[in-house]
Amino acid sequence: MTALVFLGTALAEIAGCFAFWAWLRLGRSMWWVVPGLLSLCLFASLLTLPAVAQAGRAYAAYGGVYIASAVVWLWLAEGTKPDRWDVLGACVCLAGAAIIYLGPRVASGS
């Protein structure tokens, strides 16, 4: 379930940020900012759902999913096929995210 939440979170963040990119870099109407802001609010809300005790650990694990999702966005939304370095980098990031999220934790008093 966490993987689906992270994927939805990444889609919301990338779409929200792309709305600003479209406005500021592609010359689209300022009205692109409105759905962009709503998407970024959805992103922030979704990022609170994974069952992780510390926010920083959730953010770090999510980061790998975000990077891989951005590479997919590059391909599907922007029409640029990722090269082997994009794919390798995304795989390394996903491996790091899995280590952070799934690694065994020792209970601590703090």
PDB file of N, CA and C in Angstrom:
ATOM      1  N   MET A   1       0.819  -1.199   0.000  1.00  0.00           N
ATOM      2  CA  MET A   1       0.000   0.000   0.000  1.00  0.00           C
ATOM      3  C   MET A   1       0.865   1.267   0.000  1.00  0.00           C
ATOM      4  N   THR A   2       1.984   1.223   0.734  1.00  0.00           N
ATOM      5  CA  THR A   2       2.869   2.377   0.793  1.00  0.00           C
ATOM      6  C   THR A   2       3.405   2.728  -0.593  1.00  0.00           C
ATOM      7  N   ALA A   3       3.711   1.711  -1.392  1.00  0.00           N
ATOM      8  CA  ALA A   3       4.228   1.978  -2.738  1.00  0.00           C
ATOM      9  C   ALA A   3       3.207   2.752  -3.563  1.00  0.00           C
ATOM     10  N   LEU A   4       1.931   2.394  -3.446  1.00  0.00           N
ATOM     11  CA  LEU A   4       0.878   3.118  -4.177  1.00  0.00           C
ATOM     12  C   LEU A   4       0.742   4.553  -3.675  1.00  0.00           C
ATOM     13  N   VAL A   5       0.849   4.726  -2.364  1.00  0.00           N
ATOM     14  CA  VAL A   5       0.788   6.083  -1.805  1.00  0.00           C
ATOM     15  C   VAL A   5       1.960   6.907  -2.318  1.00  0.00           C
ATOM     16  N   PHE A   6       3.161   6.324  -2.323  1.00  0.00           N
ATOM     17  CA  PHE A   6       4.330   7.046  -2.825  1.00  0.00           C
ATOM     18  C   PHE A   6       4.176   7.376  -4.309  1.00  0.00           C
ATOM     19  N   LEU A   7       3.615   6.473  -5.089  1.00  0.00           N
ATOM     20  CA  LEU A   7       3.399   6.755  -6.515  1.00  0.00           C
ATOM     21  C   LEU A   7       2.397   7.890  -6.712  1.00  0.00           C
ATOM     22  N   GLY A   8       1.303   7.865  -5.962  1.00  0.00           N
ATOM     23  CA  GLY A   8       0.327   8.955  -6.035  1.00  0.00           C
ATOM     24  C   GLY A   8       0.917  10.269  -5.568  1.00  0.00           C
ATOM     25  N   THR A   9       1.732  10.196  -4.531  1.00  0.00           N
ATOM     26  CA  THR A   9       2.409  11.382  -4.011  1.00  0.00           C
ATOM     27  C   THR A   9       3.332  11.978  -5.068  1.00  0.00           C
ATOM     28  N   ALA A  10       4.083  11.109  -5.731  1.00  0.00           N
ATOM     29  CA  ALA A  10       5.006  11.582  -6.773  1.00  0.00           C
ATOM     30  C   ALA A  10       4.251  12.213  -7.933  1.00  0.00           C
ATOM     31  N   LEU A  11       3.164  11.589  -8.356  1.00  0.00           N
ATOM     32  CA  LEU A  11       2.371  12.147  -9.448  1.00  0.00           C
ATOM     33  C   LEU A  11       1.835  13.527  -9.074  1.00  0.00           C
ATOM     34  N   ALA A  12       1.327  13.658  -7.851  1.00  0.00           N
ATOM     35  CA  ALA A  12       0.798  14.949  -7.404  1.00  0.00           C
ATOM     36  C   ALA A  12       1.898  16.010  -7.338  1.00  0.00           C
ATOM     37  N   GLU A  13       3.072  15.635  -6.835  1.00  0.00           N
ATOM     38  CA  GLU A  13       4.159  16.621  -6.736  1.00  0.00           C
ATOM     39  C   GLU A  13       4.674  17.021  -8.115  1.00  0.00           C
ATOM     40  N   ILE A  14       4.896  16.040  -8.969  1.00  0.00           N
ATOM     41  CA  ILE A  14       5.428  16.342 -10.296  1.00  0.00           C
ATOM     42  C   ILE A  14       4.427  17.173 -11.096  1.00  0.00           C
ATOM     43  N   ALA A  15       3.153  16.812 -11.039  1.00  0.00           N
ATOM     44  CA  ALA A  15       2.136  17.571 -11.767  1.00  0.00           C
ATOM     45  C   ALA A  15       2.046  19.008 -11.239  1.00  0.00           C
ATOM     46  N   GLY A  16       2.103  19.158  -9.921  1.00  0.00           N
ATOM     47  CA  GLY A  16       2.053  20.494  -9.334  1.00  0.00           C
ATOM     48  C   GLY A  16       3.235  21.340  -9.723  1.00  0.00           C
ATOM     49  N   CYS A  17       4.417  20.761  -9.657  1.00  0.00           N
ATOM     50  CA  CYS A  17       5.620  21.499 -10.045  1.00  0.00           C
ATOM     51  C   CYS A  17       5.643  21.781 -11.543  1.00  0.00           C
ATOM     52  N   PHE A  18       5.140  20.833 -12.344  1.00  0.00           N
ATOM     53  CA  PHE A  18       5.114  21.044 -13.790  1.00  0.00           C
ATOM     54  C   PHE A  18       4.182  22.196 -14.152  1.00  0.00           C
ATOM     55  N   ALA A  19       3.104  22.379 -13.385  1.00  0.00           N
ATOM     56  CA  ALA A  19       2.201  23.498 -13.648  1.00  0.00           C
ATOM     57  C   ALA A  19       2.953  24.824 -13.522  1.00  0.00           C
ATOM     58  N   PHE A  20       3.809  24.938 -12.514  1.00  0.00           N
ATOM     59  CA  PHE A  20       4.619  26.144 -12.369  1.00  0.00           C
ATOM     60  C   PHE A  20       5.644  26.242 -13.494  1.00  0.00           C
ATOM     61  N   TRP A  21       6.242  25.127 -13.857  1.00  0.00           N
ATOM     62  CA  TRP A  21       7.199  25.094 -14.968  1.00  0.00           C
ATOM     63  C   TRP A  21       6.522  25.586 -16.252  1.00  0.00           C
ATOM     64  N   ALA A  22       5.307  25.086 -16.491  1.00  0.00           N
ATOM     65  CA  ALA A  22       4.574  25.477 -17.703  1.00  0.00           C
ATOM     66  C   ALA A  22       4.298  26.981 -17.698  1.00  0.00           C
ATOM     67  N   TRP A  23       3.937  27.519 -16.561  1.00  0.00           N
ATOM     68  CA  TRP A  23       3.651  28.949 -16.458  1.00  0.00           C
ATOM     69  C   TRP A  23       4.927  29.785 -16.638  1.00  0.00           C
ATOM     70  N   LEU A  24       5.965  29.435 -15.891  1.00  0.00           N
ATOM     71  CA  LEU A  24       7.156  30.275 -15.862  1.00  0.00           C
ATOM     72  C   LEU A  24       8.143  30.005 -16.996  1.00  0.00           C
ATOM     73  N   ARG A  25       8.201  28.776 -17.489  1.00  0.00           N
ATOM     74  CA  ARG A  25       9.204  28.448 -18.498  1.00  0.00           C
ATOM     75  C   ARG A  25       8.625  28.222 -19.889  1.00  0.00           C
ATOM     76  N   LEU A  26       7.357  27.820 -19.951  1.00  0.00           N
ATOM     77  CA  LEU A  26       6.752  27.529 -21.245  1.00  0.00           C
ATOM     78  C   LEU A  26       5.764  28.593 -21.700  1.00  0.00           C
ATOM     79  N   GLY A  27       5.608  29.643 -20.878  1.00  0.00           N
ATOM     80  CA  GLY A  27       4.754  30.758 -21.259  1.00  0.00           C
ATOM     81  C   GLY A  27       3.262  30.478 -21.197  1.00  0.00           C
ATOM     82  N   ARG A  28       2.865  29.470 -20.441  1.00  0.00           N
ATOM     83  CA  ARG A  28       1.440  29.177 -20.300  1.00  0.00           C
ATOM     84  C   ARG A  28       0.778  30.198 -19.376  1.00  0.00           C
ATOM     85  N   SER A  29      -0.524  30.222 -19.390  1.00  0.00           N
ATOM     86  CA  SER A  29      -1.302  31.152 -18.573  1.00  0.00           C
ATOM     87  C   SER A  29      -0.998  30.975 -17.083  1.00  0.00           C
ATOM     88  N   MET A  30      -1.115  32.093 -16.360  1.00  0.00           N
ATOM     89  CA  MET A  30      -0.936  32.039 -14.912  1.00  0.00           C
ATOM     90  C   MET A  30      -1.970  31.120 -14.258  1.00  0.00           C
ATOM     91  N   TRP A  31      -3.052  30.853 -14.939  1.00  0.00           N
ATOM     92  CA  TRP A  31      -4.094  29.973 -14.397  1.00  0.00           C
ATOM     93  C   TRP A  31      -3.611  28.540 -14.206  1.00  0.00           C
ATOM     94  N   TRP A  32      -2.507  28.178 -14.821  1.00  0.00           N
ATOM     95  CA  TRP A  32      -1.912  26.852 -14.589  1.00  0.00           C
ATOM     96  C   TRP A  32      -1.495  26.694 -13.130  1.00  0.00           C
ATOM     97  N   VAL A  33      -1.263  27.806 -12.450  1.00  0.00           N
ATOM     98  CA  VAL A  33      -0.825  27.758 -11.056  1.00  0.00           C
ATOM     99  C   VAL A  33      -1.927  27.215 -10.141  1.00  0.00           C
ATOM    100  N   VAL A  34      -3.177  27.471 -10.449  1.00  0.00           N
ATOM    101  CA  VAL A  34      -4.277  27.044  -9.572  1.00  0.00           C
ATOM    102  C   VAL A  34      -4.316  25.522  -9.412  1.00  0.00           C
ATOM    103  N   PRO A  35      -4.412  24.738 -10.497  1.00  0.00           N
ATOM    104  CA  PRO A  35      -4.379  23.288 -10.294  1.00  0.00           C
ATOM    105  C   PRO A  35      -3.019  22.822  -9.769  1.00  0.00           C
ATOM    106  N   GLY A  36      -1.966  23.591 -10.086  1.00  0.00           N
ATOM    107  CA  GLY A  36      -0.652  23.249  -9.555  1.00  0.00           C
ATOM    108  C   GLY A  36      -0.622  23.327  -8.037  1.00  0.00           C
ATOM    109  N   LEU A  37      -1.191  24.382  -7.483  1.00  0.00           N
ATOM    110  CA  LEU A  37      -1.252  24.521  -6.028  1.00  0.00           C
ATOM    111  C   LEU A  37      -2.105  23.428  -5.395  1.00  0.00           C
ATOM    112  N   LEU A  38      -3.232  23.119  -6.016  1.00  0.00           N
ATOM    113  CA  LEU A  38      -4.086  22.040  -5.491  1.00  0.00           C
ATOM    114  C   LEU A  38      -3.345  20.708  -5.519  1.00  0.00           C
ATOM    115  N   SER A  39      -2.615  20.473  -6.577  1.00  0.00           N
ATOM    116  CA  SER A  39      -1.845  19.242  -6.692  1.00  0.00           C
ATOM    117  C   SER A  39      -0.749  19.177  -5.631  1.00  0.00           C
ATOM    118  N   LEU A  40      -0.101  20.303  -5.365  1.00  0.00           N
ATOM    119  CA  LEU A  40       0.940  20.313  -4.336  1.00  0.00           C
ATOM    120  C   LEU A  40       0.355  20.136  -2.937  1.00  0.00           C
ATOM    121  N   CYS A  41      -0.856  20.618  -2.702  1.00  0.00           N
ATOM    122  CA  CYS A  41      -1.529  20.362  -1.418  1.00  0.00           C
ATOM    123  C   CYS A  41      -1.850  18.870  -1.276  1.00  0.00           C
ATOM    124  N   LEU A  42      -2.299  18.248  -2.363  1.00  0.00           N
ATOM    125  CA  LEU A  42      -2.553  16.812  -2.350  1.00  0.00           C
ATOM    126  C   LEU A  42      -1.259  16.053  -2.072  1.00  0.00           C
ATOM    127  N   PHE A  43      -0.182  16.459  -2.714  1.00  0.00           N
ATOM    128  CA  PHE A  43       1.139  15.855  -2.476  1.00  0.00           C
ATOM    129  C   PHE A  43       1.489  15.873  -0.993  1.00  0.00           C
ATOM    130  N   ALA A  44       1.374  17.037  -0.361  1.00  0.00           N
ATOM    131  CA  ALA A  44       1.741  17.161   1.051  1.00  0.00           C
ATOM    132  C   ALA A  44       0.854  16.283   1.929  1.00  0.00           C
ATOM    133  N   SER A  45      -0.415  16.204   1.594  1.00  0.00           N
ATOM    134  CA  SER A  45      -1.335  15.364   2.372  1.00  0.00           C
ATOM    135  C   SER A  45      -1.003  13.885   2.221  1.00  0.00           C
ATOM    136  N   LEU A  46      -0.751  13.460   1.000  1.00  0.00           N
ATOM    137  CA  LEU A  46      -0.443  12.050   0.757  1.00  0.00           C
ATOM    138  C   LEU A  46       0.848  11.619   1.442  1.00  0.00           C
ATOM    139  N   LEU A  47       1.796  12.520   1.540  1.00  0.00           N
ATOM    140  CA  LEU A  47       3.081  12.167   2.129  1.00  0.00           C
ATOM    141  C   LEU A  47       2.976  11.886   3.632  1.00  0.00           C
ATOM    142  N   THR A  48       1.853  12.245   4.241  1.00  0.00           N
ATOM    143  CA  THR A  48       1.668  11.952   5.669  1.00  0.00           C
ATOM    144  C   THR A  48       1.102  10.548   5.905  1.00  0.00           C
ATOM    145  N   LEU A  49       0.702   9.828   4.855  1.00  0.00           N
ATOM    146  CA  LEU A  49       0.016   8.543   5.017  1.00  0.00           C
ATOM    147  C   LEU A  49       0.901   7.321   5.287  1.00  0.00           C
ATOM    148  N   PRO A  50       2.125   7.237   4.766  1.00  0.00           N
ATOM    149  CA  PRO A  50       2.915   6.024   5.030  1.00  0.00           C
ATOM    150  C   PRO A  50       3.140   5.792   6.520  1.00  0.00           C
ATOM    151  N   ALA A  51       3.141   4.524   6.905  1.00  0.00           N
ATOM    152  CA  ALA A  51       3.290   4.137   8.309  1.00  0.00           C
ATOM    153  C   ALA A  51       4.765   4.155   8.705  1.00  0.00           C
ATOM    154  N   VAL A  52       5.293   5.350   8.888  1.00  0.00           N
ATOM    155  CA  VAL A  52       6.681   5.549   9.306  1.00  0.00           C
ATOM    156  C   VAL A  52       6.648   6.481  10.505  1.00  0.00           C
ATOM    157  N   ALA A  53       7.428   6.162  11.527  1.00  0.00           N
ATOM    158  CA  ALA A  53       7.392   6.954  12.759  1.00  0.00           C
ATOM    159  C   ALA A  53       8.008   8.349  12.593  1.00  0.00           C
ATOM    160  N   GLN A  54       9.003   8.487  11.709  1.00  0.00           N
ATOM    161  CA  GLN A  54       9.686   9.765  11.554  1.00  0.00           C
ATOM    162  C   GLN A  54       9.415  10.340  10.165  1.00  0.00           C
ATOM    163  N   ALA A  55       9.097  11.607  10.124  1.00  0.00           N
ATOM    164  CA  ALA A  55       8.806  12.270   8.854  1.00  0.00           C
ATOM    165  C   ALA A  55      10.017  12.230   7.923  1.00  0.00           C
ATOM    166  N   GLY A  56      11.200  12.463   8.455  1.00  0.00           N
ATOM    167  CA  GLY A  56      12.402  12.480   7.626  1.00  0.00           C
ATOM    168  C   GLY A  56      12.648  11.151   6.927  1.00  0.00           C
ATOM    169  N   ARG A  57      12.356  10.053   7.615  1.00  0.00           N
ATOM    170  CA  ARG A  57      12.539   8.738   6.998  1.00  0.00           C
ATOM    171  C   ARG A  57      11.523   8.543   5.870  1.00  0.00           C
ATOM    172  N   ALA A  58      10.295   8.984   6.059  1.00  0.00           N
ATOM    173  CA  ALA A  58       9.289   8.893   4.990  1.00  0.00           C
ATOM    174  C   ALA A  58       9.706   9.742   3.805  1.00  0.00           C
ATOM    175  N   TYR A  59      10.205  10.941   4.055  1.00  0.00           N
ATOM    176  CA  TYR A  59      10.627  11.835   2.972  1.00  0.00           C
ATOM    177  C   TYR A  59      11.799  11.226   2.207  1.00  0.00           C
ATOM    178  N   ALA A  60      12.747  10.649   2.932  1.00  0.00           N
ATOM    179  CA  ALA A  60      13.922  10.062   2.290  1.00  0.00           C
ATOM    180  C   ALA A  60      13.532   8.870   1.421  1.00  0.00           C
ATOM    181  N   ALA A  61      12.686   7.992   1.953  1.00  0.00           N
ATOM    182  CA  ALA A  61      12.246   6.829   1.178  1.00  0.00           C
ATOM    183  C   ALA A  61      11.430   7.278  -0.029  1.00  0.00           C
ATOM    184  N   TYR A  62      10.571   8.249   0.158  1.00  0.00           N
ATOM    185  CA  TYR A  62       9.764   8.780  -0.940  1.00  0.00           C
ATOM    186  C   TYR A  62      10.646   9.378  -2.037  1.00  0.00           C
ATOM    187  N   GLY A  63      11.768   9.963  -1.651  1.00  0.00           N
ATOM    188  CA  GLY A  63      12.653  10.616  -2.613  1.00  0.00           C
ATOM    189  C   GLY A  63      13.064   9.707  -3.759  1.00  0.00           C
ATOM    190  N   GLY A  64      13.349   8.462  -3.461  1.00  0.00           N
ATOM    191  CA  GLY A  64      13.713   7.516  -4.513  1.00  0.00           C
ATOM    192  C   GLY A  64      12.576   7.264  -5.480  1.00  0.00           C
ATOM    193  N   VAL A  65      11.365   7.146  -4.934  1.00  0.00           N
ATOM    194  CA  VAL A  65      10.187   6.949  -5.776  1.00  0.00           C
ATOM    195  C   VAL A  65       9.946   8.189  -6.627  1.00  0.00           C
ATOM    196  N   TYR A  66      10.145   9.363  -6.048  1.00  0.00           N
ATOM    197  CA  TYR A  66       9.987  10.616  -6.785  1.00  0.00           C
ATOM    198  C   TYR A  66      10.940  10.663  -7.982  1.00  0.00           C
ATOM    199  N   ILE A  67      12.184  10.324  -7.753  1.00  0.00           N
ATOM    200  CA  ILE A  67      13.177  10.385  -8.824  1.00  0.00           C
ATOM    201  C   ILE A  67      12.808   9.432  -9.956  1.00  0.00           C
ATOM    202  N   ALA A  68      12.446   8.207  -9.612  1.00  0.00           N
ATOM    203  CA  ALA A  68      12.052   7.244 -10.647  1.00  0.00           C
ATOM    204  C   ALA A  68      10.805   7.729 -11.385  1.00  0.00           C
ATOM    205  N   SER A  69       9.862   8.294 -10.656  1.00  0.00           N
ATOM    206  CA  SER A  69       8.635   8.803 -11.280  1.00  0.00           C
ATOM    207  C   SER A  69       8.931   9.985 -12.197  1.00  0.00           C
ATOM    208  N   ALA A  70       9.890  10.814 -11.820  1.00  0.00           N
ATOM    209  CA  ALA A  70      10.257  11.951 -12.666  1.00  0.00           C
ATOM    210  C   ALA A  70      10.862  11.477 -13.983  1.00  0.00           C
ATOM    211  N   VAL A  71      11.594  10.388 -13.950  1.00  0.00           N
ATOM    212  CA  VAL A  71      12.153   9.833 -15.181  1.00  0.00           C
ATOM    213  C   VAL A  71      11.028   9.302 -16.073  1.00  0.00           C
ATOM    214  N   VAL A  72      10.037   8.678 -15.464  1.00  0.00           N
ATOM    215  CA  VAL A  72       8.869   8.214 -16.238  1.00  0.00           C
ATOM    216  C   VAL A  72       8.113   9.416 -16.805  1.00  0.00           C
ATOM    217  N   TRP A  73       7.957  10.475 -16.015  1.00  0.00           N
ATOM    218  CA  TRP A  73       7.313  11.712 -16.480  1.00  0.00           C
ATOM    219  C   TRP A  73       8.055  12.274 -17.681  1.00  0.00           C
ATOM    220  N   LEU A  74       9.380  12.296 -17.600  1.00  0.00           N
ATOM    221  CA  LEU A  74      10.210  12.775 -18.704  1.00  0.00           C
ATOM    222  C   LEU A  74       9.823  12.068 -19.999  1.00  0.00           C
ATOM    223  N   TRP A  75       9.596  10.777 -19.903  1.00  0.00           N
ATOM    224  CA  TRP A  75       9.286   9.970 -21.066  1.00  0.00           C
ATOM    225  C   TRP A  75       7.835  10.143 -21.520  1.00  0.00           C
ATOM    226  N   LEU A  76       6.883   9.962 -20.586  1.00  0.00           N
ATOM    227  CA  LEU A  76       5.471   9.958 -20.963  1.00  0.00           C
ATOM    228  C   LEU A  76       4.875  11.347 -21.181  1.00  0.00           C
ATOM    229  N   ALA A  77       5.224  12.302 -20.341  1.00  0.00           N
ATOM    230  CA  ALA A  77       4.615  13.637 -20.441  1.00  0.00           C
ATOM    231  C   ALA A  77       5.415  14.587 -21.324  1.00  0.00           C
ATOM    232  N   GLU A  78       6.745  14.428 -21.321  1.00  0.00           N
ATOM    233  CA  GLU A  78       7.572  15.361 -22.075  1.00  0.00           C
ATOM    234  C   GLU A  78       8.113  14.774 -23.378  1.00  0.00           C
ATOM    235  N   GLY A  79       7.885  13.502 -23.578  1.00  0.00           N
ATOM    236  CA  GLY A  79       8.267  12.885 -24.841  1.00  0.00           C
ATOM    237  C   GLY A  79       9.758  12.673 -25.047  1.00  0.00           C
ATOM    238  N   THR A  80      10.528  12.684 -23.970  1.00  0.00           N
ATOM    239  CA  THR A  80      11.965  12.432 -24.060  1.00  0.00           C
ATOM    240  C   THR A  80      12.260  11.068 -23.460  1.00  0.00           C
ATOM    241  N   LYS A  81      12.746  10.166 -24.292  1.00  0.00           N
ATOM    242  CA  LYS A  81      13.042   8.823 -23.804  1.00  0.00           C
ATOM    243  C   LYS A  81      14.254   8.852 -22.875  1.00  0.00           C
ATOM    244  N   PRO A  82      14.109   8.298 -21.672  1.00  0.00           N
ATOM    245  CA  PRO A  82      15.242   8.263 -20.742  1.00  0.00           C
ATOM    246  C   PRO A  82      16.392   7.442 -21.328  1.00  0.00           C
ATOM    247  N   ASP A  83      17.622   7.886 -21.064  1.00  0.00           N
ATOM    248  CA  ASP A  83      18.766   7.096 -21.508  1.00  0.00           C
ATOM    249  C   ASP A  83      19.167   6.124 -20.395  1.00  0.00           C
ATOM    250  N   ARG A  84      20.195   5.336 -20.657  1.00  0.00           N
ATOM    251  CA  ARG A  84      20.580   4.310 -19.681  1.00  0.00           C
ATOM    252  C   ARG A  84      21.021   4.914 -18.364  1.00  0.00           C
ATOM    253  N   TRP A  85      21.556   6.128 -18.392  1.00  0.00           N
ATOM    254  CA  TRP A  85      21.996   6.773 -17.159  1.00  0.00           C
ATOM    255  C   TRP A  85      20.805   7.236 -16.332  1.00  0.00           C
ATOM    256  N   ASP A  86      19.759   7.702 -16.992  1.00  0.00           N
ATOM    257  CA  ASP A  86      18.527   8.044 -16.275  1.00  0.00           C
ATOM    258  C   ASP A  86      17.965   6.809 -15.575  1.00  0.00           C
ATOM    259  N   VAL A  87      17.896   5.716 -16.323  1.00  0.00           N
ATOM    260  CA  VAL A  87      17.326   4.474 -15.783  1.00  0.00           C
ATOM    261  C   VAL A  87      18.200   3.927 -14.655  1.00  0.00           C
ATOM    262  N   LEU A  88      19.507   3.901 -14.854  1.00  0.00           N
ATOM    263  CA  LEU A  88      20.415   3.416 -13.816  1.00  0.00           C
ATOM    264  C   LEU A  88      20.299   4.274 -12.557  1.00  0.00           C
ATOM    265  N   GLY A  89      20.299   5.575 -12.726  1.00  0.00           N
ATOM    266  CA  GLY A  89      20.181   6.469 -11.576  1.00  0.00           C
ATOM    267  C   GLY A  89      18.878   6.258 -10.827  1.00  0.00           C
ATOM    268  N   ALA A  90      17.784   6.091 -11.561  1.00  0.00           N
ATOM    269  CA  ALA A  90      16.486   5.850 -10.920  1.00  0.00           C
ATOM    270  C   ALA A  90      16.503   4.528 -10.156  1.00  0.00           C
ATOM    271  N   CYS A  91      17.121   3.502 -10.734  1.00  0.00           N
ATOM    272  CA  CYS A  91      17.199   2.200 -10.052  1.00  0.00           C
ATOM    273  C   CYS A  91      18.023   2.291  -8.772  1.00  0.00           C
ATOM    274  N   VAL A  92      19.133   3.016  -8.821  1.00  0.00           N
ATOM    275  CA  VAL A  92      19.959   3.206  -7.626  1.00  0.00           C
ATOM    276  C   VAL A  92      19.147   3.924  -6.542  1.00  0.00           C
ATOM    277  N   CYS A  93      18.397   4.933  -6.947  1.00  0.00           N
ATOM    278  CA  CYS A  93      17.586   5.692  -5.983  1.00  0.00           C
ATOM    279  C   CYS A  93      16.486   4.824  -5.374  1.00  0.00           C
ATOM    280  N   LEU A  94      15.855   3.990  -6.197  1.00  0.00           N
ATOM    281  CA  LEU A  94      14.829   3.080  -5.667  1.00  0.00           C
ATOM    282  C   LEU A  94      15.438   2.075  -4.693  1.00  0.00           C
ATOM    283  N   ALA A  95      16.638   1.594  -4.997  1.00  0.00           N
ATOM    284  CA  ALA A  95      17.313   0.677  -4.067  1.00  0.00           C
ATOM    285  C   ALA A  95      17.597   1.382  -2.749  1.00  0.00           C
ATOM    286  N   GLY A  96      18.057   2.609  -2.812  1.00  0.00           N
ATOM    287  CA  GLY A  96      18.294   3.374  -1.594  1.00  0.00           C
ATOM    288  C   GLY A  96      17.020   3.616  -0.807  1.00  0.00           C
ATOM    289  N   ALA A  97      15.948   3.935  -1.509  1.00  0.00           N
ATOM    290  CA  ALA A  97      14.665   4.148  -0.841  1.00  0.00           C
ATOM    291  C   ALA A  97      14.204   2.872  -0.142  1.00  0.00           C
ATOM    292  N   ALA A  98      14.378   1.730  -0.795  1.00  0.00           N
ATOM    293  CA  ALA A  98      13.976   0.455  -0.195  1.00  0.00           C
ATOM    294  C   ALA A  98      14.796   0.162   1.060  1.00  0.00           C
ATOM    295  N   ILE A  99      16.092   0.448   1.008  1.00  0.00           N
ATOM    296  CA  ILE A  99      16.936   0.233   2.187  1.00  0.00           C
ATOM    297  C   ILE A  99      16.463   1.108   3.339  1.00  0.00           C
ATOM    298  N   ILE A 100      16.179   2.347   3.059  1.00  0.00           N
ATOM    299  CA  ILE A 100      15.722   3.271   4.111  1.00  0.00           C
ATOM    300  C   ILE A 100      14.378   2.824   4.677  1.00  0.00           C
ATOM    301  N   TYR A 101      13.443   2.483   3.805  1.00  0.00           N
ATOM    302  CA  TYR A 101      12.088   2.175   4.252  1.00  0.00           C
ATOM    303  C   TYR A 101      11.979   0.792   4.897  1.00  0.00           C
ATOM    304  N   LEU A 102      12.665  -0.187   4.345  1.00  0.00           N
ATOM    305  CA  LEU A 102      12.497  -1.566   4.797  1.00  0.00           C
ATOM    306  C   LEU A 102      13.561  -2.047   5.778  1.00  0.00           C
ATOM    307  N   GLY A 103      14.576  -1.236   5.999  1.00  0.00           N
ATOM    308  CA  GLY A 103      15.665  -1.660   6.890  1.00  0.00           C
ATOM    309  C   GLY A 103      15.176  -1.938   8.290  1.00  0.00           C
ATOM    310  N   PRO A 104      15.779  -2.945   8.943  1.00  0.00           N
ATOM    311  CA  PRO A 104      15.370  -3.264  10.324  1.00  0.00           C
ATOM    312  C   PRO A 104      15.713  -2.113  11.259  1.00  0.00           C
ATOM    313  N   ARG A 105      14.864  -1.863  12.165  1.00  0.00           N
ATOM    314  CA  ARG A 105      15.055  -0.760  13.122  1.00  0.00           C
ATOM    315  C   ARG A 105      15.199  -1.318  14.527  1.00  0.00           C
ATOM    316  N   VAL A 106      16.120  -0.743  15.269  1.00  0.00           N
ATOM    317  CA  VAL A 106      16.307  -1.082  16.668  1.00  0.00           C
ATOM    318  C   VAL A 106      15.494  -0.089  17.466  1.00  0.00           C
ATOM    319  N   ALA A 107      14.651  -0.596  18.348  1.00  0.00           N
ATOM    320  CA  ALA A 107      13.835   0.284  19.195  1.00  0.00           C
ATOM    321  C   ALA A 107      14.746   1.143  20.053  1.00  0.00           C
ATOM    322  N   SER A 108      14.422   2.421  20.128  1.00  0.00           N
ATOM    323  CA  SER A 108      15.224   3.329  20.953  1.00  0.00           C
ATOM    324  C   SER A 108      14.325   4.071  21.913  1.00  0.00           C
ATOM    325  N   GLY A 109      14.930   4.610  22.906  1.00  0.00           N
ATOM    326  CA  GLY A 109      14.183   5.340  23.919  1.00  0.00           C
ATOM    327  C   GLY A 109      13.838   6.748  23.504  1.00  0.00           C
ATOM    328  N   SER A 110      14.375   7.222  22.393  1.00  0.00           N
ATOM    329  CA  SER A 110      14.092   8.601  22.004  1.00  0.00           C
ATOM    330  C   SER A 110      13.162   8.673  20.843  1.00  0.00           C
TER     331      SER A 110
END
